[in-house]
Amino acid sequence: MKAFPSSKEIIKEAKSYNKKADINQLHAIAFDVMKKYRDIYYQN
């Protein structure tokens, strides 16, 4: 696995959690997704 997925992949994953999210909600979800990948990165 790459250290971090591309921003396009992060947004795609964030949209999968809430398909009707507005831009602010999408930003918050994407931030949580990035934190998830950061945690995975530092565990390895």
N, C-alpha and C. Protein backbone atom coordinates (compact mmCIF):
# COMPACT_ATOMS: atom_id res chain seq x y z
N MET A 1 0.84 -1.18 0.00
CA MET A 1 0.00 0.00 0.00
C MET A 1 0.88 1.24 0.00
N LYS A 2 0.47 2.23 -0.78
CA LYS A 2 1.18 3.51 -0.76
C LYS A 2 1.00 4.16 0.61
N ALA A 3 1.88 5.08 0.92
CA ALA A 3 1.78 5.77 2.20
C ALA A 3 0.43 6.50 2.31
N PHE A 4 0.08 7.22 1.26
CA PHE A 4 -1.19 7.94 1.23
C PHE A 4 -1.81 7.80 -0.15
N PRO A 5 -3.12 7.63 -0.22
CA PRO A 5 -3.78 7.60 -1.52
C PRO A 5 -3.81 9.01 -2.11
N SER A 6 -4.12 9.09 -3.37
CA SER A 6 -4.20 10.41 -4.02
C SER A 6 -5.40 11.18 -3.46
N SER A 7 -5.39 12.48 -3.67
CA SER A 7 -6.50 13.30 -3.19
C SER A 7 -7.81 12.89 -3.86
N LYS A 8 -7.72 12.48 -5.12
CA LYS A 8 -8.92 12.02 -5.83
C LYS A 8 -9.52 10.80 -5.13
N GLU A 9 -8.66 9.87 -4.71
CA GLU A 9 -9.12 8.67 -4.02
C GLU A 9 -9.69 9.01 -2.64
N ILE A 10 -9.10 9.98 -1.96
CA ILE A 10 -9.60 10.39 -0.65
C ILE A 10 -10.99 11.00 -0.78
N ILE A 11 -11.19 11.86 -1.76
CA ILE A 11 -12.51 12.47 -1.99
C ILE A 11 -13.53 11.40 -2.36
N LYS A 12 -13.12 10.45 -3.20
CA LYS A 12 -14.02 9.36 -3.59
C LYS A 12 -14.45 8.56 -2.36
N GLU A 13 -13.51 8.27 -1.48
CA GLU A 13 -13.84 7.53 -0.26
C GLU A 13 -14.75 8.37 0.65
N ALA A 14 -14.47 9.66 0.76
CA ALA A 14 -15.30 10.54 1.59
C ALA A 14 -16.73 10.60 1.05
N LYS A 15 -16.88 10.67 -0.27
CA LYS A 15 -18.21 10.69 -0.86
C LYS A 15 -18.97 9.40 -0.60
N SER A 16 -18.25 8.30 -0.49
CA SER A 16 -18.92 7.01 -0.26
C SER A 16 -19.58 6.97 1.13
N TYR A 17 -19.10 7.76 2.07
CA TYR A 17 -19.70 7.80 3.40
C TYR A 17 -21.00 8.59 3.42
N ASN A 18 -21.08 9.64 2.60
CA ASN A 18 -22.29 10.48 2.56
C ASN A 18 -22.40 11.07 1.16
N LYS A 19 -23.24 10.46 0.35
CA LYS A 19 -23.36 10.88 -1.05
C LYS A 19 -24.01 12.25 -1.21
N LYS A 20 -24.73 12.73 -0.19
CA LYS A 20 -25.42 14.01 -0.28
C LYS A 20 -24.73 15.11 0.53
N ALA A 21 -23.46 14.91 0.86
CA ALA A 21 -22.73 15.88 1.67
C ALA A 21 -22.48 17.16 0.88
N ASP A 22 -22.61 18.30 1.58
CA ASP A 22 -22.23 19.56 0.95
C ASP A 22 -20.70 19.70 1.06
N ILE A 23 -20.17 20.77 0.53
CA ILE A 23 -18.71 20.92 0.46
C ILE A 23 -18.07 20.95 1.84
N ASN A 24 -18.73 21.57 2.81
CA ASN A 24 -18.17 21.64 4.16
C ASN A 24 -18.16 20.26 4.82
N GLN A 25 -19.24 19.52 4.66
CA GLN A 25 -19.30 18.17 5.21
C GLN A 25 -18.27 17.28 4.53
N LEU A 26 -18.15 17.42 3.21
CA LEU A 26 -17.19 16.62 2.46
C LEU A 26 -15.76 16.91 2.92
N HIS A 27 -15.47 18.16 3.19
CA HIS A 27 -14.15 18.54 3.69
C HIS A 27 -13.88 17.88 5.04
N ALA A 28 -14.86 17.91 5.93
CA ALA A 28 -14.69 17.30 7.25
C ALA A 28 -14.49 15.79 7.15
N ILE A 29 -15.27 15.14 6.29
CA ILE A 29 -15.14 13.69 6.12
C ILE A 29 -13.78 13.36 5.51
N ALA A 30 -13.36 14.14 4.51
CA ALA A 30 -12.07 13.90 3.87
C ALA A 30 -10.93 14.05 4.89
N PHE A 31 -11.06 15.01 5.78
CA PHE A 31 -10.05 15.19 6.83
C PHE A 31 -9.97 13.95 7.72
N ASP A 32 -11.13 13.40 8.08
CA ASP A 32 -11.15 12.17 8.89
C ASP A 32 -10.53 11.00 8.14
N VAL A 33 -10.78 10.92 6.84
CA VAL A 33 -10.18 9.86 6.02
C VAL A 33 -8.66 10.01 6.01
N MET A 34 -8.18 11.24 5.87
CA MET A 34 -6.73 11.46 5.88
C MET A 34 -6.12 11.08 7.23
N LYS A 35 -6.84 11.37 8.33
CA LYS A 35 -6.34 10.98 9.65
C LYS A 35 -6.25 9.46 9.76
N LYS A 36 -7.21 8.77 9.16
CA LYS A 36 -7.19 7.30 9.18
C LYS A 36 -5.93 6.79 8.49
N TYR A 37 -5.61 7.34 7.32
CA TYR A 37 -4.42 6.90 6.60
C TYR A 37 -3.14 7.31 7.31
N ARG A 38 -3.17 8.44 8.00
CA ARG A 38 -2.00 8.85 8.78
C ARG A 38 -1.74 7.86 9.90
N ASP A 39 -2.80 7.44 10.58
CA ASP A 39 -2.65 6.45 11.65
C ASP A 39 -2.08 5.14 11.13
N ILE A 40 -2.57 4.70 9.98
CA ILE A 40 -2.06 3.47 9.36
C ILE A 40 -0.58 3.63 9.02
N TYR A 41 -0.22 4.79 8.48
CA TYR A 41 1.17 5.05 8.09
C TYR A 41 2.10 4.96 9.30
N TYR A 42 1.71 5.57 10.42
CA TYR A 42 2.58 5.59 11.58
C TYR A 42 2.59 4.28 12.35
N GLN A 43 1.64 3.39 12.09
CA GLN A 43 1.67 2.07 12.72
C GLN A 43 2.72 1.19 12.07
N ASN A 44 3.02 1.45 10.80
CA ASN A 44 4.00 0.62 10.07
C ASN A 44 5.41 1.09 10.27
